[in-house]
Amino acid sequence: MGFLLLAAYGFWVVSLAALVLYLYFYFRFNRFDGICQGILMSCPVAGLLFYVWYRNAYVKITRTYVLRRTFLRFVEKVEYRRIRDFGYYERTDRDNNFEDGLYIDGPYNDEGYFGEGIELHSNWVNMSYVLGQLAFRILKERWAEPESDEDQNLIQEYISSGKAREICLEQSGFVFPENDNSPYRESKE
């Protein structure tokens, strides 16, 4: 989050400098070239748009759900108890930067599409608690109770030991049977 805040402030500094230059050239020479005017005025607009994006986009992780709001203010929310499946990956890009990501899907809706789903990346949020919840569900075959200190301590133990990450990597693509209402699954008859 620190980089985004720094980038937002950088946009504002560039925007103010562009506005000062615009006013200086306009009042000093009483005219202004259209291309330069467009370039200088696009900086404050870009700064404003980045600020709006920064203020509106966030991820909220609680003991009962994960909520993500996009920069267009679309809300994506999945309760842990409604997770159908997940995918977790780790990779290193060509610049040797580490990145991991998590895809969480809720059950299918009546039309046969995912009704709920969230995509998280390590660049946006520390998703270790979500990994701990998923590891708890896989190992204990039940979801952690939000009010249970014992369950929450066990989740924190999985996170601190690295066990949550290992389990989620091994079990990536795991489908939780209680929420598997896929219209494409084979019947068990």
N, C-alpha and C. Protein backbone atom coordinates (compact mmCIF):
# COMPACT_ATOMS: atom_id res chain seq x y z
N MET A 1 0.82 -1.19 0.00
CA MET A 1 0.00 0.00 0.00
C MET A 1 0.86 1.25 0.00
N GLY A 2 2.06 1.18 0.54
CA GLY A 2 2.92 2.35 0.60
C GLY A 2 3.27 2.88 -0.78
N PHE A 3 3.52 1.98 -1.73
CA PHE A 3 3.86 2.42 -3.08
C PHE A 3 2.69 3.16 -3.73
N LEU A 4 1.49 2.66 -3.54
CA LEU A 4 0.32 3.33 -4.12
C LEU A 4 0.13 4.72 -3.55
N LEU A 5 0.35 4.86 -2.25
CA LEU A 5 0.22 6.18 -1.63
C LEU A 5 1.30 7.12 -2.17
N LEU A 6 2.51 6.62 -2.31
CA LEU A 6 3.60 7.43 -2.88
C LEU A 6 3.28 7.82 -4.32
N ALA A 7 2.74 6.90 -5.09
CA ALA A 7 2.37 7.20 -6.47
C ALA A 7 1.26 8.24 -6.53
N ALA A 8 0.29 8.14 -5.62
CA ALA A 8 -0.79 9.13 -5.59
C ALA A 8 -0.25 10.52 -5.28
N TYR A 9 0.64 10.62 -4.30
CA TYR A 9 1.26 11.92 -3.99
C TYR A 9 2.09 12.41 -5.15
N GLY A 10 2.80 11.51 -5.82
CA GLY A 10 3.59 11.91 -6.99
C GLY A 10 2.73 12.48 -8.09
N PHE A 11 1.58 11.86 -8.33
CA PHE A 11 0.65 12.39 -9.33
C PHE A 11 0.19 13.79 -8.95
N TRP A 12 -0.07 14.00 -7.67
CA TRP A 12 -0.53 15.32 -7.25
C TRP A 12 0.56 16.37 -7.41
N VAL A 13 1.79 16.04 -7.10
CA VAL A 13 2.90 16.99 -7.26
C VAL A 13 3.06 17.34 -8.74
N VAL A 14 3.06 16.34 -9.60
CA VAL A 14 3.18 16.59 -11.04
C VAL A 14 1.98 17.39 -11.54
N SER A 15 0.81 17.10 -11.01
CA SER A 15 -0.39 17.84 -11.42
C SER A 15 -0.29 19.31 -11.05
N LEU A 16 0.15 19.60 -9.84
CA LEU A 16 0.28 20.99 -9.42
C LEU A 16 1.34 21.72 -10.24
N ALA A 17 2.46 21.04 -10.50
CA ALA A 17 3.51 21.66 -11.32
C ALA A 17 3.00 21.94 -12.73
N ALA A 18 2.25 21.02 -13.29
CA ALA A 18 1.70 21.22 -14.64
C ALA A 18 0.70 22.37 -14.64
N LEU A 19 -0.09 22.48 -13.60
CA LEU A 19 -1.05 23.58 -13.52
C LEU A 19 -0.35 24.93 -13.41
N VAL A 20 0.72 25.00 -12.61
CA VAL A 20 1.49 26.24 -12.49
C VAL A 20 2.12 26.61 -13.82
N LEU A 21 2.71 25.64 -14.52
CA LEU A 21 3.29 25.91 -15.84
C LEU A 21 2.23 26.37 -16.83
N TYR A 22 1.08 25.75 -16.78
CA TYR A 22 -0.01 26.15 -17.67
C TYR A 22 -0.41 27.60 -17.44
N LEU A 23 -0.61 27.95 -16.18
CA LEU A 23 -1.00 29.33 -15.87
C LEU A 23 0.10 30.33 -16.22
N TYR A 24 1.35 29.97 -15.96
CA TYR A 24 2.48 30.86 -16.27
C TYR A 24 2.54 31.15 -17.77
N PHE A 25 2.50 30.09 -18.59
CA PHE A 25 2.59 30.30 -20.04
C PHE A 25 1.36 31.04 -20.58
N TYR A 26 0.21 30.76 -20.02
CA TYR A 26 -1.00 31.41 -20.52
C TYR A 26 -0.98 32.91 -20.21
N PHE A 27 -0.66 33.28 -18.98
CA PHE A 27 -0.67 34.70 -18.62
C PHE A 27 0.56 35.45 -19.12
N ARG A 28 1.71 34.80 -19.22
CA ARG A 28 2.94 35.45 -19.66
C ARG A 28 2.90 35.75 -21.16
N PHE A 29 2.45 34.77 -21.94
CA PHE A 29 2.49 34.92 -23.39
C PHE A 29 1.10 35.13 -23.99
N ASN A 30 0.08 35.06 -23.17
CA ASN A 30 -1.31 35.28 -23.57
C ASN A 30 -1.78 34.34 -24.68
N ARG A 31 -1.10 33.27 -24.85
CA ARG A 31 -1.52 32.23 -25.79
C ARG A 31 -0.84 30.94 -25.37
N PHE A 32 -1.31 29.88 -25.93
CA PHE A 32 -0.72 28.60 -25.55
C PHE A 32 -0.94 27.62 -26.68
N ASP A 33 0.06 26.86 -27.00
CA ASP A 33 -0.03 25.84 -28.05
C ASP A 33 -0.99 24.74 -27.58
N GLY A 34 -1.86 24.30 -28.46
CA GLY A 34 -2.89 23.33 -28.11
C GLY A 34 -2.33 22.00 -27.62
N ILE A 35 -1.24 21.53 -28.21
CA ILE A 35 -0.67 20.24 -27.80
C ILE A 35 -0.10 20.35 -26.39
N CYS A 36 0.67 21.42 -26.13
CA CYS A 36 1.23 21.60 -24.79
C CYS A 36 0.13 21.78 -23.76
N GLN A 37 -0.89 22.51 -24.14
CA GLN A 37 -2.01 22.73 -23.23
C GLN A 37 -2.66 21.39 -22.88
N GLY A 38 -2.86 20.55 -23.87
CA GLY A 38 -3.46 19.24 -23.62
C GLY A 38 -2.60 18.37 -22.73
N ILE A 39 -1.29 18.39 -22.98
CA ILE A 39 -0.37 17.58 -22.18
C ILE A 39 -0.37 18.06 -20.73
N LEU A 40 -0.25 19.37 -20.54
CA LEU A 40 -0.18 19.90 -19.18
C LEU A 40 -1.50 19.72 -18.43
N MET A 41 -2.60 19.82 -19.11
CA MET A 41 -3.89 19.68 -18.42
C MET A 41 -4.26 18.21 -18.19
N SER A 42 -3.63 17.29 -18.92
CA SER A 42 -3.92 15.88 -18.68
C SER A 42 -3.30 15.40 -17.37
N CYS A 43 -2.24 16.06 -16.92
CA CYS A 43 -1.61 15.66 -15.65
C CYS A 43 -2.56 15.82 -14.46
N PRO A 44 -3.22 16.98 -14.28
CA PRO A 44 -4.16 17.06 -13.15
C PRO A 44 -5.32 16.07 -13.27
N VAL A 45 -5.78 15.84 -14.48
CA VAL A 45 -6.87 14.87 -14.66
C VAL A 45 -6.39 13.47 -14.28
N ALA A 46 -5.18 13.10 -14.71
CA ALA A 46 -4.63 11.79 -14.35
C ALA A 46 -4.45 11.69 -12.84
N GLY A 47 -3.97 12.76 -12.22
CA GLY A 47 -3.82 12.76 -10.76
C GLY A 47 -5.14 12.57 -10.05
N LEU A 48 -6.17 13.23 -10.54
CA LEU A 48 -7.49 13.10 -9.94
C LEU A 48 -8.03 11.68 -10.11
N LEU A 49 -7.88 11.11 -11.29
CA LEU A 49 -8.35 9.74 -11.52
C LEU A 49 -7.61 8.73 -10.65
N PHE A 50 -6.29 8.90 -10.53
CA PHE A 50 -5.52 7.99 -9.69
C PHE A 50 -5.95 8.10 -8.24
N TYR A 51 -6.21 9.32 -7.79
CA TYR A 51 -6.66 9.52 -6.41
C TYR A 51 -8.01 8.84 -6.18
N VAL A 52 -8.92 8.99 -7.12
CA VAL A 52 -10.23 8.34 -7.00
C VAL A 52 -10.07 6.83 -6.96
N TRP A 53 -9.20 6.30 -7.81
CA TRP A 53 -8.95 4.85 -7.81
C TRP A 53 -8.37 4.41 -6.47
N TYR A 54 -7.40 5.16 -5.97
CA TYR A 54 -6.74 4.80 -4.71
C TYR A 54 -7.74 4.82 -3.54
N ARG A 55 -8.64 5.78 -3.53
CA ARG A 55 -9.59 5.90 -2.43
C ARG A 55 -10.70 4.85 -2.50
N ASN A 56 -11.00 4.34 -3.68
CA ASN A 56 -12.13 3.43 -3.83
C ASN A 56 -11.75 1.96 -3.85
N ALA A 57 -10.54 1.63 -4.24
CA ALA A 57 -10.14 0.23 -4.38
C ALA A 57 -9.51 -0.26 -3.08
N TYR A 58 -10.04 -1.32 -2.53
CA TYR A 58 -9.45 -1.89 -1.32
C TYR A 58 -9.90 -3.34 -1.15
N VAL A 59 -9.23 -4.04 -0.25
CA VAL A 59 -9.58 -5.41 0.11
C VAL A 59 -9.75 -5.45 1.62
N LYS A 60 -10.83 -6.06 2.06
CA LYS A 60 -11.10 -6.20 3.49
C LYS A 60 -11.20 -7.68 3.82
N ILE A 61 -10.38 -8.13 4.75
CA ILE A 61 -10.37 -9.53 5.16
C ILE A 61 -10.80 -9.59 6.63
N THR A 62 -11.87 -10.32 6.90
CA THR A 62 -12.36 -10.46 8.27
C THR A 62 -12.36 -11.94 8.64
N ARG A 63 -12.88 -12.24 9.81
CA ARG A 63 -12.96 -13.64 10.25
C ARG A 63 -14.05 -14.41 9.54
N THR A 64 -14.97 -13.72 8.85
CA THR A 64 -16.09 -14.42 8.21
C THR A 64 -16.13 -14.27 6.70
N TYR A 65 -15.48 -13.25 6.13
CA TYR A 65 -15.57 -13.05 4.69
C TYR A 65 -14.37 -12.27 4.16
N VAL A 66 -14.26 -12.28 2.83
CA VAL A 66 -13.29 -11.46 2.10
C VAL A 66 -14.10 -10.55 1.20
N LEU A 67 -13.79 -9.26 1.23
CA LEU A 67 -14.50 -8.28 0.42
C LEU A 67 -13.47 -7.49 -0.37
N ARG A 68 -13.72 -7.32 -1.64
CA ARG A 68 -12.84 -6.53 -2.50
C ARG A 68 -13.70 -5.51 -3.23
N ARG A 69 -13.27 -4.26 -3.19
CA ARG A 69 -13.96 -3.20 -3.93
C ARG A 69 -13.01 -2.74 -5.03
N THR A 70 -13.49 -2.77 -6.27
CA THR A 70 -12.67 -2.36 -7.40
C THR A 70 -12.70 -0.85 -7.53
N PHE A 71 -11.85 -0.33 -8.40
CA PHE A 71 -11.79 1.12 -8.55
C PHE A 71 -13.07 1.71 -9.12
N LEU A 72 -13.91 0.91 -9.74
CA LEU A 72 -15.22 1.37 -10.21
C LEU A 72 -16.31 1.14 -9.16
N ARG A 73 -15.89 0.78 -7.94
CA ARG A 73 -16.76 0.58 -6.79
C ARG A 73 -17.64 -0.67 -6.90
N PHE A 74 -17.26 -1.62 -7.76
CA PHE A 74 -17.96 -2.90 -7.77
C PHE A 74 -17.49 -3.69 -6.55
N VAL A 75 -18.42 -4.29 -5.85
CA VAL A 75 -18.09 -5.02 -4.64
C VAL A 75 -18.14 -6.52 -4.93
N GLU A 76 -17.06 -7.20 -4.58
CA GLU A 76 -16.98 -8.65 -4.68
C GLU A 76 -16.80 -9.17 -3.26
N LYS A 77 -17.71 -10.02 -2.82
CA LYS A 77 -17.67 -10.52 -1.44
C LYS A 77 -17.92 -12.02 -1.45
N VAL A 78 -17.08 -12.74 -0.71
CA VAL A 78 -17.26 -14.18 -0.56
C VAL A 78 -17.10 -14.53 0.91
N GLU A 79 -18.10 -15.17 1.46
CA GLU A 79 -18.00 -15.68 2.83
C GLU A 79 -17.23 -16.99 2.77
N TYR A 80 -16.39 -17.23 3.79
CA TYR A 80 -15.59 -18.45 3.79
C TYR A 80 -16.45 -19.70 3.66
N ARG A 81 -17.58 -19.73 4.34
CA ARG A 81 -18.45 -20.91 4.33
C ARG A 81 -19.08 -21.17 2.97
N ARG A 82 -19.00 -20.20 2.06
CA ARG A 82 -19.60 -20.36 0.73
C ARG A 82 -18.54 -20.60 -0.36
N ILE A 83 -17.28 -20.74 0.02
CA ILE A 83 -16.24 -20.96 -0.99
C ILE A 83 -16.43 -22.33 -1.62
N ARG A 84 -16.48 -22.36 -2.93
CA ARG A 84 -16.61 -23.62 -3.67
C ARG A 84 -15.25 -24.21 -3.96
N ASP A 85 -14.34 -23.39 -4.50
CA ASP A 85 -12.99 -23.85 -4.80
C ASP A 85 -12.04 -22.66 -4.76
N PHE A 86 -10.76 -22.97 -4.83
CA PHE A 86 -9.75 -21.92 -4.81
C PHE A 86 -8.55 -22.35 -5.63
N GLY A 87 -7.78 -21.39 -6.05
CA GLY A 87 -6.52 -21.65 -6.73
C GLY A 87 -5.46 -20.73 -6.16
N TYR A 88 -4.32 -21.28 -5.81
CA TYR A 88 -3.23 -20.49 -5.24
C TYR A 88 -1.97 -20.76 -6.03
N TYR A 89 -1.22 -19.73 -6.33
CA TYR A 89 0.02 -19.91 -7.09
C TYR A 89 1.10 -18.98 -6.55
N GLU A 90 2.33 -19.37 -6.78
CA GLU A 90 3.49 -18.53 -6.51
C GLU A 90 4.35 -18.54 -7.76
N ARG A 91 4.95 -17.41 -8.07
CA ARG A 91 5.83 -17.36 -9.23
C ARG A 91 6.82 -16.22 -9.07
N THR A 92 7.85 -16.29 -9.87
CA THR A 92 8.85 -15.22 -9.94
C THR A 92 8.84 -14.71 -11.37
N ASP A 93 8.71 -13.39 -11.53
CA ASP A 93 8.68 -12.85 -12.89
C ASP A 93 10.09 -12.74 -13.46
N ARG A 94 10.20 -12.24 -14.66
CA ARG A 94 11.50 -12.21 -15.34
C ARG A 94 12.49 -11.25 -14.67
N ASP A 95 11.98 -10.33 -13.84
CA ASP A 95 12.86 -9.44 -13.08
C ASP A 95 13.19 -10.00 -11.71
N ASN A 96 12.85 -11.26 -11.48
CA ASN A 96 13.12 -11.97 -10.24
C ASN A 96 12.33 -11.40 -9.05
N ASN A 97 11.15 -10.85 -9.32
CA ASN A 97 10.26 -10.37 -8.27
C ASN A 97 9.26 -11.47 -7.93
N PHE A 98 9.09 -11.73 -6.65
CA PHE A 98 8.17 -12.77 -6.19
C PHE A 98 6.74 -12.24 -6.18
N GLU A 99 5.82 -13.06 -6.61
CA GLU A 99 4.40 -12.71 -6.57
C GLU A 99 3.61 -13.97 -6.30
N ASP A 100 2.57 -13.84 -5.50
CA ASP A 100 1.64 -14.95 -5.35
C ASP A 100 0.22 -14.42 -5.48
N GLY A 101 -0.68 -15.31 -5.82
CA GLY A 101 -2.06 -14.91 -6.06
C GLY A 101 -3.02 -15.99 -5.61
N LEU A 102 -4.24 -15.57 -5.35
CA LEU A 102 -5.27 -16.47 -4.86
C LEU A 102 -6.58 -16.16 -5.57
N TYR A 103 -7.21 -17.19 -6.08
CA TYR A 103 -8.53 -17.07 -6.71
C TYR A 103 -9.51 -17.84 -5.86
N ILE A 104 -10.58 -17.19 -5.45
CA ILE A 104 -11.61 -17.82 -4.63
C ILE A 104 -12.92 -17.75 -5.39
N ASP A 105 -13.58 -18.87 -5.54
CA ASP A 105 -14.87 -18.91 -6.22
C ASP A 105 -15.94 -19.40 -5.27
N GLY A 106 -17.08 -18.74 -5.32
CA GLY A 106 -18.25 -19.18 -4.56
C GLY A 106 -19.03 -20.19 -5.38
N PRO A 107 -20.18 -20.60 -4.89
CA PRO A 107 -20.98 -21.58 -5.62
C PRO A 107 -21.55 -20.99 -6.91
N TYR A 108 -21.95 -21.86 -7.81
CA TYR A 108 -22.57 -21.43 -9.06
C TYR A 108 -23.95 -20.83 -8.77
N ASN A 109 -24.35 -19.86 -9.59
CA ASN A 109 -25.70 -19.31 -9.47
C ASN A 109 -26.65 -20.15 -10.32
N ASP A 110 -27.90 -19.73 -10.41
CA ASP A 110 -28.92 -20.51 -11.12
C ASP A 110 -28.64 -20.63 -12.61
N GLU A 111 -27.91 -19.69 -13.19
CA GLU A 111 -27.60 -19.72 -14.62
C GLU A 111 -26.36 -20.58 -14.93
N GLY A 112 -25.70 -21.11 -13.91
CA GLY A 112 -24.53 -21.96 -14.13
C GLY A 112 -23.22 -21.20 -14.17
N TYR A 113 -23.20 -19.97 -13.68
CA TYR A 113 -21.97 -19.17 -13.62
C TYR A 113 -21.62 -18.93 -12.16
N PHE A 114 -20.33 -18.58 -11.93
CA PHE A 114 -19.93 -18.23 -10.58
C PHE A 114 -20.67 -16.96 -10.16
N GLY A 115 -21.40 -17.03 -9.06
CA GLY A 115 -22.10 -15.85 -8.57
C GLY A 115 -21.20 -14.96 -7.74
N GLU A 116 -20.23 -15.56 -7.09
CA GLU A 116 -19.31 -14.83 -6.24
C GLU A 116 -17.90 -15.27 -6.58
N GLY A 117 -16.97 -14.37 -6.48
CA GLY A 117 -15.59 -14.72 -6.72
C GLY A 117 -14.68 -13.54 -6.48
N ILE A 118 -13.47 -13.83 -6.04
CA ILE A 118 -12.50 -12.78 -5.74
C ILE A 118 -11.13 -13.25 -6.20
N GLU A 119 -10.37 -12.30 -6.72
CA GLU A 119 -8.99 -12.55 -7.11
C GLU A 119 -8.11 -11.63 -6.25
N LEU A 120 -7.13 -12.21 -5.58
CA LEU A 120 -6.23 -11.44 -4.72
C LEU A 120 -4.79 -11.65 -5.18
N HIS A 121 -3.99 -10.61 -5.08
CA HIS A 121 -2.56 -10.70 -5.39
C HIS A 121 -1.76 -10.12 -4.24
N SER A 122 -0.56 -10.62 -4.07
CA SER A 122 0.29 -10.15 -2.98
C SER A 122 0.64 -8.67 -3.12
N ASN A 123 0.54 -8.12 -4.33
CA ASN A 123 0.80 -6.70 -4.51
C ASN A 123 -0.29 -5.85 -3.86
N TRP A 124 -1.47 -6.41 -3.69
CA TRP A 124 -2.60 -5.66 -3.15
C TRP A 124 -2.75 -5.84 -1.65
N VAL A 125 -2.58 -7.06 -1.18
CA VAL A 125 -3.01 -7.37 0.19
C VAL A 125 -2.19 -8.53 0.74
N ASN A 126 -2.06 -8.57 2.05
CA ASN A 126 -1.47 -9.71 2.73
C ASN A 126 -2.59 -10.73 2.93
N MET A 127 -2.58 -11.77 2.14
CA MET A 127 -3.69 -12.73 2.15
C MET A 127 -3.41 -13.94 3.01
N SER A 128 -2.46 -13.85 3.93
CA SER A 128 -2.09 -15.01 4.73
C SER A 128 -3.26 -15.51 5.59
N TYR A 129 -4.11 -14.60 6.08
CA TYR A 129 -5.25 -15.06 6.89
C TYR A 129 -6.20 -15.92 6.06
N VAL A 130 -6.42 -15.53 4.82
CA VAL A 130 -7.30 -16.31 3.95
C VAL A 130 -6.68 -17.69 3.71
N LEU A 131 -5.37 -17.73 3.49
CA LEU A 131 -4.69 -19.03 3.32
C LEU A 131 -4.83 -19.87 4.59
N GLY A 132 -4.74 -19.23 5.76
CA GLY A 132 -4.93 -19.94 7.02
C GLY A 132 -6.32 -20.52 7.14
N GLN A 133 -7.33 -19.76 6.73
CA GLN A 133 -8.72 -20.26 6.76
C GLN A 133 -8.87 -21.47 5.84
N LEU A 134 -8.30 -21.37 4.63
CA LEU A 134 -8.41 -22.48 3.68
C LEU A 134 -7.69 -23.72 4.21
N ALA A 135 -6.50 -23.53 4.80
CA ALA A 135 -5.75 -24.66 5.35
C ALA A 135 -6.53 -25.30 6.51
N PHE A 136 -7.13 -24.47 7.35
CA PHE A 136 -7.94 -24.99 8.46
C PHE A 136 -9.07 -25.85 7.92
N ARG A 137 -9.75 -25.37 6.89
CA ARG A 137 -10.88 -26.12 6.31
C ARG A 137 -10.41 -27.45 5.72
N ILE A 138 -9.28 -27.44 5.05
CA ILE A 138 -8.77 -28.67 4.43
C ILE A 138 -8.37 -29.69 5.49
N LEU A 139 -7.67 -29.23 6.52
CA LEU A 139 -7.17 -30.16 7.54
C LEU A 139 -8.25 -30.61 8.53
N LYS A 140 -9.10 -29.70 8.94
CA LYS A 140 -10.11 -30.02 9.95
C LYS A 140 -11.46 -30.44 9.36
N GLU A 141 -11.61 -30.30 8.04
CA GLU A 141 -12.85 -30.65 7.34
C GLU A 141 -14.06 -29.89 7.88
N ARG A 142 -13.82 -28.69 8.32
CA ARG A 142 -14.87 -27.76 8.73
C ARG A 142 -14.28 -26.36 8.69
N TRP A 143 -15.15 -25.37 8.62
CA TRP A 143 -14.68 -23.98 8.62
C TRP A 143 -14.46 -23.52 10.04
N ALA A 144 -13.51 -22.64 10.23
CA ALA A 144 -13.22 -22.11 11.56
C ALA A 144 -14.38 -21.24 12.04
N GLU A 145 -14.70 -21.38 13.31
CA GLU A 145 -15.74 -20.54 13.91
C GLU A 145 -15.14 -19.16 14.18
N PRO A 146 -15.80 -18.09 13.73
CA PRO A 146 -15.24 -16.74 13.91
C PRO A 146 -15.11 -16.34 15.38
N GLU A 147 -15.99 -16.87 16.26
CA GLU A 147 -15.95 -16.49 17.67
C GLU A 147 -15.02 -17.38 18.49
N SER A 148 -14.54 -18.47 17.91
CA SER A 148 -13.72 -19.43 18.65
C SER A 148 -12.26 -18.99 18.66
N ASP A 149 -11.78 -18.67 19.86
CA ASP A 149 -10.37 -18.29 19.99
C ASP A 149 -9.45 -19.46 19.67
N GLU A 150 -9.89 -20.67 19.99
CA GLU A 150 -9.09 -21.86 19.71
C GLU A 150 -8.89 -22.02 18.20
N ASP A 151 -9.97 -21.89 17.43
CA ASP A 151 -9.87 -21.99 15.97
C ASP A 151 -8.99 -20.88 15.40
N GLN A 152 -9.17 -19.67 15.89
CA GLN A 152 -8.40 -18.53 15.38
C GLN A 152 -6.92 -18.67 15.73
N ASN A 153 -6.61 -19.21 16.91
CA ASN A 153 -5.21 -19.44 17.28
C ASN A 153 -4.58 -20.49 16.38
N LEU A 154 -5.35 -21.52 16.04
CA LEU A 154 -4.85 -22.56 15.15
C LEU A 154 -4.58 -21.99 13.75
N ILE A 155 -5.44 -21.10 13.28
CA ILE A 155 -5.22 -20.43 11.99
C ILE A 155 -3.92 -19.63 12.04
N GLN A 156 -3.73 -18.89 13.13
CA GLN A 156 -2.50 -18.09 13.27
C GLN A 156 -1.26 -18.97 13.33
N GLU A 157 -1.40 -20.15 13.94
CA GLU A 157 -0.28 -21.09 13.99
C GLU A 157 0.06 -21.60 12.59
N TYR A 158 -0.96 -21.92 11.80
CA TYR A 158 -0.74 -22.35 10.42
C TYR A 158 -0.03 -21.26 9.62
N ILE A 159 -0.43 -20.02 9.85
CA ILE A 159 0.16 -18.90 9.11
C ILE A 159 1.62 -18.71 9.50
N SER A 160 1.89 -18.65 10.80
CA SER A 160 3.25 -18.35 11.26
C SER A 160 4.23 -19.48 10.93
N SER A 161 3.76 -20.71 10.90
CA SER A 161 4.65 -21.83 10.59
C SER A 161 4.87 -22.02 9.09
N GLY A 162 4.08 -21.35 8.26
CA GLY A 162 4.17 -21.52 6.82
C GLY A 162 3.38 -22.71 6.30
N LYS A 163 2.71 -23.40 7.23
CA LYS A 163 1.94 -24.58 6.85
C LYS A 163 0.75 -24.22 5.96
N ALA A 164 0.15 -23.05 6.21
CA ALA A 164 -1.01 -22.62 5.42
C ALA A 164 -0.62 -22.47 3.95
N ARG A 165 0.50 -21.82 3.70
CA ARG A 165 0.96 -21.61 2.33
C ARG A 165 1.26 -22.94 1.65
N GLU A 166 1.95 -23.84 2.36
CA GLU A 166 2.29 -25.14 1.79
C GLU A 166 1.04 -25.95 1.44
N ILE A 167 0.08 -25.97 2.35
CA ILE A 167 -1.15 -26.74 2.12
C ILE A 167 -1.91 -26.17 0.93
N CYS A 168 -2.00 -24.85 0.86
CA CYS A 168 -2.74 -24.22 -0.24
C CYS A 168 -2.05 -24.44 -1.58
N LEU A 169 -0.72 -24.48 -1.58
CA LEU A 169 0.00 -24.78 -2.83
C LEU A 169 -0.26 -26.21 -3.27
N GLU A 170 -0.21 -27.14 -2.32
CA GLU A 170 -0.42 -28.55 -2.63
C GLU A 170 -1.86 -28.83 -3.07
N GLN A 171 -2.81 -28.16 -2.45
CA GLN A 171 -4.22 -28.44 -2.68
C GLN A 171 -4.88 -27.44 -3.62
N SER A 172 -4.11 -26.65 -4.35
CA SER A 172 -4.67 -25.65 -5.26
C SER A 172 -5.65 -26.32 -6.22
N GLY A 173 -6.81 -25.75 -6.37
CA GLY A 173 -7.86 -26.35 -7.20
C GLY A 173 -8.82 -27.21 -6.42
N PHE A 174 -8.59 -27.33 -5.11
CA PHE A 174 -9.45 -28.14 -4.24
C PHE A 174 -10.88 -27.62 -4.29
N VAL A 175 -11.84 -28.53 -4.41
CA VAL A 175 -13.27 -28.18 -4.43
C VAL A 175 -13.87 -28.66 -3.11
N PHE A 176 -14.51 -27.74 -2.40
CA PHE A 176 -15.14 -28.09 -1.13
C PHE A 176 -16.51 -28.70 -1.43
N PRO A 177 -16.72 -29.95 -1.05
CA PRO A 177 -17.92 -30.68 -1.48
C PRO A 177 -19.23 -30.05 -1.00
N GLU A 178 -19.24 -29.40 0.15
CA GLU A 178 -20.50 -28.84 0.65
C GLU A 178 -21.02 -27.69 -0.21
N ASN A 179 -20.15 -27.08 -1.02
CA ASN A 179 -20.57 -25.97 -1.89
C ASN A 179 -20.44 -26.32 -3.37
N ASP A 180 -20.23 -27.58 -3.68
CA ASP A 180 -20.03 -27.98 -5.08
C ASP A 180 -21.39 -28.22 -5.74
N ASN A 181 -21.93 -27.17 -6.28
CA ASN A 181 -23.21 -27.26 -6.99
C ASN A 181 -23.01 -27.08 -8.49
N SER A 182 -21.87 -27.52 -8.98
CA SER A 182 -21.52 -27.33 -10.38
C SER A 182 -22.49 -28.08 -11.29
N PRO A 183 -22.99 -27.40 -12.31
CA PRO A 183 -23.86 -28.10 -13.26
C PRO A 183 -23.06 -29.03 -14.17
N TYR A 184 -21.74 -28.97 -14.11
CA TYR A 184 -20.88 -29.75 -15.00
C TYR A 184 -20.29 -30.98 -14.33
N ARG A 185 -20.50 -31.15 -13.04
CA ARG A 185 -19.92 -32.31 -12.35
C ARG A 185 -20.68 -33.57 -12.72
N GLU A 186 -19.98 -34.67 -12.64
CA GLU A 186 -20.61 -35.95 -12.95
C GLU A 186 -21.46 -36.38 -11.76
N SER A 187 -22.60 -36.96 -12.05
CA SER A 187 -23.46 -37.41 -10.95
C SER A 187 -22.82 -38.63 -10.30
N LYS A 188 -23.11 -38.81 -9.02
CA LYS A 188 -22.49 -39.89 -8.25
C LYS A 188 -23.40 -41.11 -8.17
N GLU A 189 -24.34 -41.20 -9.07
CA GLU A 189 -25.27 -42.34 -9.06
C GLU A 189 -24.68 -43.53 -9.75
